[in-house]
Amino acid sequence: MTTIEAKDDREVQATLMARGPVPQHVAIIMDGNGRWARERGFPRVQGHQEGAESVRDIAEVSAQIGIRHLTLYTFSTENWKRPAAEISALMHLLIRTLRREVRTLHDNDIRLNAIGDLGKLPAVARRELDDVMQSTRDNTRMTIHLALSYSGRWELVEAARSIARAAAEGRLEPDVVDEDLVATHLSTAGIPDPDLLIRTGGDIRISNFLLWQVAYSELWFTREFWPSFRRPMLYEAIRSFQDRERRFGSLPDDGDRGRSAQ
């Protein structure tokens, strides 16, 4: 951005933060890379490459406006069914992006984390991911959680297995299983549930993403493909979030929980 654009953007951010609470955890289903490329006559991989630029922009601005957690649906368990050439290209893009952006993460005091069935990743991608997570572990401004080889149903099955093993081994009684205990067995244990879930690409569905965690999340959908999603659209989504009354099952006059981050 030019100096004038940067100044204007800071003013937009200041107005947004003064307008109301900013969601502390934003989750994004980054959909539409392939369709963005097809509309322009580009190979699909170019859509993924441009989508990585959107990740950089959204990560930087999220840290700047006070979002504490940003969870990105990067690669689902269903994505393993895609053609081998596309999977290979996506894994190489992941490796290149991690290597290229580690400096940006440090410059913005951002920690990197990953959730999902990470053992399925190629060894070189897993090593690169582990290296960046280790390198950024002491950053505190914001955490980016990459959902890799992840699905909500996979996560719930793994949690059920873990709880069942503990019960079979006599380490817990079935009667103590409640929502809080289940949450401790999820990939997101210790991470607050998303306040806002954004999906790009025009589809209006959750697509097996954070099925447990988004029970009370505000949902925001846009027809824009992910490579075209940049900070002005995030600001729009947050304004929509700020305008909503969050009741969490209570009546509007029960306490003051409306229009506040969970």
Protein backbone atom coordinates (compact mmCIF):
# COMPACT_ATOMS: atom_id res chain seq x y z
CA MET A 1 0.00 0.00 0.00
CA THR A 2 1.06 3.58 -0.61
CA THR A 3 1.50 5.96 2.33
CA ILE A 4 -1.90 7.59 1.63
CA GLU A 5 -3.62 4.20 1.40
CA ALA A 6 -1.94 3.04 4.63
CA LYS A 7 -3.11 6.20 6.43
CA ASP A 8 -6.66 5.77 5.13
CA ASP A 9 -6.64 2.12 6.20
CA ARG A 10 -5.51 3.02 9.72
CA GLU A 11 -8.42 5.45 9.94
CA VAL A 12 -10.84 2.75 8.77
CA GLN A 13 -9.44 0.37 11.39
CA ALA A 14 -9.71 2.96 14.16
CA THR A 15 -13.32 3.67 13.24
CA LEU A 16 -14.12 -0.04 13.13
CA MET A 17 -12.58 -0.71 16.55
CA ALA A 18 -14.39 2.29 18.07
CA ARG A 19 -17.69 1.16 16.54
CA GLY A 20 -18.02 -1.98 18.68
CA PRO A 21 -16.33 -5.17 19.86
CA VAL A 22 -14.09 -6.91 17.34
CA PRO A 23 -14.50 -10.73 17.24
CA GLN A 24 -11.71 -12.38 19.16
CA HIS A 25 -11.77 -15.52 17.02
CA VAL A 26 -12.53 -15.48 13.29
CA ALA A 27 -12.71 -18.73 11.30
CA ILE A 28 -12.69 -18.69 7.50
CA ILE A 29 -13.66 -21.25 4.88
CA MET A 30 -11.45 -20.06 2.02
CA ASP A 31 -13.46 -21.24 -0.97
CA GLY A 32 -13.28 -20.41 -4.67
CA ASN A 33 -9.61 -20.54 -5.66
CA GLY A 34 -10.24 -22.89 -8.57
CA ARG A 35 -13.29 -21.00 -9.83
CA TRP A 36 -11.41 -17.68 -9.59
CA ALA A 37 -8.69 -19.16 -11.81
CA ARG A 38 -11.12 -20.76 -14.27
CA GLU A 39 -12.99 -17.49 -14.82
CA ARG A 40 -9.69 -15.89 -15.82
CA GLY A 41 -8.41 -18.76 -17.95
CA PHE A 42 -5.64 -19.58 -15.47
CA PRO A 43 -4.58 -23.02 -14.17
CA ARG A 44 -6.09 -23.92 -10.80
CA VAL A 45 -2.74 -23.65 -9.05
CA GLN A 46 -2.64 -19.94 -9.87
CA GLY A 47 -5.88 -19.52 -7.96
CA HIS A 48 -4.26 -21.17 -4.94
CA GLN A 49 -1.22 -18.92 -5.29
CA GLU A 50 -3.36 -15.79 -5.37
CA GLY A 51 -5.33 -17.16 -2.43
CA ALA A 52 -2.07 -17.24 -0.45
CA GLU A 53 -1.81 -13.47 -0.99
CA SER A 54 -5.28 -13.08 0.54
CA VAL A 55 -4.09 -15.08 3.54
CA ARG A 56 -1.19 -12.68 4.03
CA ASP A 57 -3.41 -9.59 3.82
CA ILE A 58 -6.13 -10.95 6.10
CA ALA A 59 -3.59 -12.21 8.65
CA GLU A 60 -1.83 -8.84 8.86
CA VAL A 61 -5.01 -6.81 9.23
CA SER A 62 -6.51 -9.27 11.71
CA ALA A 63 -3.53 -8.75 14.01
CA GLN A 64 -3.75 -4.99 13.55
CA ILE A 65 -7.41 -4.70 14.62
CA GLY A 66 -7.14 -6.96 17.67
CA ILE A 67 -8.37 -10.36 16.51
CA ARG A 68 -6.67 -12.91 18.75
CA HIS A 69 -7.31 -16.13 16.82
CA LEU A 70 -7.66 -16.70 13.06
CA THR A 71 -8.51 -20.24 11.93
CA LEU A 72 -8.18 -20.97 8.21
CA TYR A 73 -9.69 -24.05 6.55
CA THR A 74 -6.59 -24.76 4.49
CA PHE A 75 -6.94 -28.41 3.43
CA SER A 76 -9.77 -30.75 4.36
CA THR A 77 -9.69 -34.52 4.69
CA GLU A 78 -11.96 -34.59 1.62
CA ASN A 79 -9.32 -32.69 -0.36
CA TRP A 80 -7.15 -35.82 -0.39
CA LYS A 81 -9.59 -37.11 -3.03
CA ARG A 82 -8.45 -34.45 -5.53
CA PRO A 83 -6.10 -35.34 -8.41
CA ALA A 84 -2.58 -36.22 -7.27
CA ALA A 85 -1.06 -33.39 -9.31
CA GLU A 86 -3.22 -30.79 -7.58
CA ILE A 87 -2.49 -32.23 -4.13
CA SER A 88 1.24 -32.13 -4.90
CA ALA A 89 0.97 -28.52 -6.06
CA LEU A 90 -0.93 -27.57 -2.90
CA MET A 91 1.66 -29.20 -0.65
CA HIS A 92 4.51 -27.45 -2.47
CA LEU A 93 2.63 -24.16 -2.16
CA LEU A 94 2.21 -24.78 1.57
CA ILE A 95 5.95 -25.35 1.95
CA ARG A 96 6.91 -22.27 -0.09
CA THR A 97 4.39 -20.09 1.75
CA LEU A 98 5.61 -21.22 5.17
CA ARG A 99 9.21 -20.48 4.23
CA ARG A 100 8.35 -17.11 2.70
CA GLU A 101 6.00 -15.86 5.41
CA VAL A 102 7.88 -16.77 8.58
CA ARG A 103 9.41 -13.27 8.61
CA THR A 104 5.95 -11.73 8.23
CA LEU A 105 4.71 -13.78 11.17
CA HIS A 106 7.53 -12.51 13.36
CA ASP A 107 7.14 -8.92 12.16
CA ASN A 108 3.47 -9.01 13.21
CA ASP A 109 4.08 -11.01 16.42
CA ILE A 110 1.89 -13.86 15.12
CA ARG A 111 2.15 -17.45 16.33
CA LEU A 112 1.42 -20.32 13.94
CA ASN A 113 -0.50 -23.42 15.01
CA ALA A 114 -2.04 -26.31 13.08
CA ILE A 115 -4.98 -28.63 13.73
CA GLY A 116 -6.02 -31.77 11.93
CA ASP A 117 -4.70 -35.22 11.02
CA LEU A 118 -1.20 -33.84 10.47
CA GLY A 119 0.37 -37.29 10.21
CA LYS A 120 -1.07 -37.56 6.69
CA LEU A 121 0.96 -34.60 5.42
CA PRO A 122 4.08 -35.31 3.35
CA ALA A 123 7.14 -35.50 5.59
CA VAL A 124 8.77 -32.38 4.15
CA ALA A 125 5.57 -30.34 4.63
CA ARG A 126 5.23 -31.59 8.20
CA ARG A 127 8.86 -30.68 8.98
CA GLU A 128 8.42 -27.19 7.55
CA LEU A 129 5.20 -26.71 9.49
CA ASP A 130 6.80 -27.91 12.72
CA ASP A 131 9.79 -25.60 12.20
CA VAL A 132 7.60 -22.51 11.75
CA MET A 133 5.38 -23.41 14.71
CA GLN A 134 8.46 -23.86 16.87
CA SER A 135 10.02 -20.63 15.59
CA THR A 136 6.90 -18.54 16.33
CA ARG A 137 5.86 -20.21 19.58
CA ASP A 138 6.67 -17.14 21.71
CA ASN A 139 4.72 -14.65 19.56
CA THR A 140 1.69 -13.36 21.43
CA ARG A 141 -0.27 -10.80 19.39
CA MET A 142 -2.38 -13.31 17.48
CA THR A 143 -2.43 -17.02 16.62
CA ILE A 144 -3.15 -18.38 13.16
CA HIS A 145 -4.51 -21.92 13.24
CA LEU A 146 -4.16 -23.77 9.92
CA ALA A 147 -6.75 -26.54 9.59
CA LEU A 148 -4.81 -29.11 7.56
CA SER A 149 -6.11 -32.57 6.70
CA TYR A 150 -9.00 -31.58 8.93
CA SER A 151 -12.72 -32.27 9.11
CA GLY A 152 -15.22 -31.72 11.88
CA ARG A 153 -16.50 -35.28 11.78
CA TRP A 154 -12.96 -36.68 11.93
CA GLU A 155 -12.31 -34.50 14.97
CA LEU A 156 -15.47 -35.64 16.77
CA VAL A 157 -14.71 -39.30 16.04
CA GLU A 158 -11.18 -38.85 17.43
CA ALA A 159 -12.58 -37.18 20.55
CA ALA A 160 -15.09 -40.01 21.05
CA ARG A 161 -12.32 -42.59 20.71
CA SER A 162 -10.14 -40.76 23.22
CA ILE A 163 -12.95 -40.51 25.76
CA ALA A 164 -13.93 -44.16 25.21
CA ARG A 165 -10.33 -45.29 25.79
CA ALA A 166 -10.13 -43.28 29.00
CA ALA A 167 -13.38 -44.82 30.23
CA ALA A 168 -12.31 -48.37 29.27
CA GLU A 169 -9.03 -47.89 31.15
CA GLY A 170 -10.86 -46.67 34.22
CA ARG A 171 -9.46 -43.14 34.03
CA LEU A 172 -12.90 -41.51 33.96
CA GLU A 173 -16.51 -42.38 34.72
CA PRO A 174 -19.08 -42.01 31.91
CA ASP A 175 -21.21 -39.74 34.10
CA VAL A 176 -18.49 -37.06 34.14
CA VAL A 177 -18.60 -36.64 30.36
CA ASP A 178 -20.03 -33.20 29.63
CA GLU A 179 -19.49 -30.42 27.07
CA ASP A 180 -16.40 -29.11 28.83
CA LEU A 181 -14.77 -32.54 28.89
CA VAL A 182 -15.56 -33.17 25.22
CA ALA A 183 -13.99 -29.81 24.35
CA THR A 184 -10.72 -30.84 26.01
CA HIS A 185 -10.47 -33.80 23.60
CA LEU A 186 -10.86 -31.70 20.44
CA SER A 187 -8.06 -30.39 18.23
CA THR A 188 -9.01 -26.91 19.41
CA ALA A 189 -8.64 -27.62 23.14
CA GLY A 190 -7.68 -24.39 24.86
CA ILE A 191 -8.78 -22.21 21.92
CA PRO A 192 -11.96 -20.12 22.32
CA ASP A 193 -14.80 -20.97 19.96
CA PRO A 194 -15.11 -18.74 16.88
CA ASP A 195 -17.19 -15.62 17.29
CA LEU A 196 -17.47 -15.18 13.51
CA LEU A 197 -17.35 -17.74 10.69
CA ILE A 198 -16.77 -16.37 7.19
CA ARG A 199 -17.21 -18.36 3.98
CA THR A 200 -16.21 -17.08 0.57
CA GLY A 201 -17.18 -18.45 -2.84
CA GLY A 202 -20.98 -18.20 -2.73
CA ASP A 203 -21.92 -21.50 -1.10
CA ILE A 204 -23.99 -21.29 2.08
CA ARG A 205 -22.90 -24.28 4.12
CA ILE A 206 -20.38 -25.26 6.82
CA SER A 207 -18.66 -28.06 4.85
CA ASN A 208 -17.57 -30.17 7.82
CA PHE A 209 -15.60 -27.33 9.44
CA LEU A 210 -15.46 -26.87 13.23
CA LEU A 211 -18.83 -28.57 13.67
CA TRP A 212 -18.70 -28.48 17.48
CA GLN A 213 -17.07 -25.09 17.81
CA VAL A 214 -19.39 -22.98 15.61
CA ALA A 215 -22.56 -23.84 17.56
CA TYR A 216 -23.00 -20.17 18.52
CA SER A 217 -20.83 -18.47 15.92
CA GLU A 218 -22.18 -15.66 13.77
CA LEU A 219 -22.11 -16.70 10.10
CA TRP A 220 -21.23 -14.41 7.20
CA PHE A 221 -21.24 -15.50 3.55
CA THR A 222 -19.99 -13.74 0.43
CA ARG A 223 -20.04 -14.61 -3.26
CA GLU A 224 -16.49 -13.29 -3.66
CA PHE A 225 -13.93 -15.98 -4.33
CA TRP A 226 -11.13 -16.25 -1.78
CA PRO A 227 -8.38 -14.77 -4.03
CA SER A 228 -10.50 -11.60 -4.27
CA PHE A 229 -11.19 -11.42 -0.53
CA ARG A 230 -9.08 -8.66 0.99
CA ARG A 231 -9.25 -6.41 4.04
CA PRO A 232 -12.22 -4.20 2.98
CA MET A 233 -14.38 -7.34 2.88
CA LEU A 234 -13.16 -8.41 6.32
CA TYR A 235 -14.13 -4.98 7.62
CA GLU A 236 -17.60 -5.49 6.09
CA ALA A 237 -17.97 -8.86 7.81
CA ILE A 238 -16.94 -7.38 11.16
CA ARG A 239 -19.41 -4.50 10.81
CA SER A 240 -22.13 -7.08 10.24
CA PHE A 241 -20.95 -8.94 13.35
CA GLN A 242 -21.04 -5.75 15.39
CA ASP A 243 -24.61 -5.05 14.31
CA ARG A 244 -25.93 -8.39 15.52
CA GLU A 245 -27.34 -9.17 18.96
CA ARG A 246 -25.70 -12.29 20.35
CA ARG A 247 -28.07 -13.93 22.85
CA PHE A 248 -26.58 -17.45 23.22
CA GLY A 249 -30.11 -18.83 23.81
CA SER A 250 -31.17 -16.17 26.32
CA LEU A 251 -33.78 -13.44 25.90
CA PRO A 252 -32.66 -9.99 24.69
CA ASP A 253 -33.03 -8.45 28.15
CA ASP A 254 -31.25 -11.26 30.03
CA GLY A 255 -28.03 -9.59 31.04
CA ASP A 256 -25.79 -7.66 28.66
CA ARG A 257 -24.41 -10.42 26.44
CA GLY A 258 -25.79 -8.94 23.21
CA ARG A 259 -23.38 -7.45 20.70
CA SER A 260 -20.32 -8.69 22.52
CA ALA A 261 -17.65 -11.20 21.70
CA GLN A 262 -18.12 -14.55 23.41
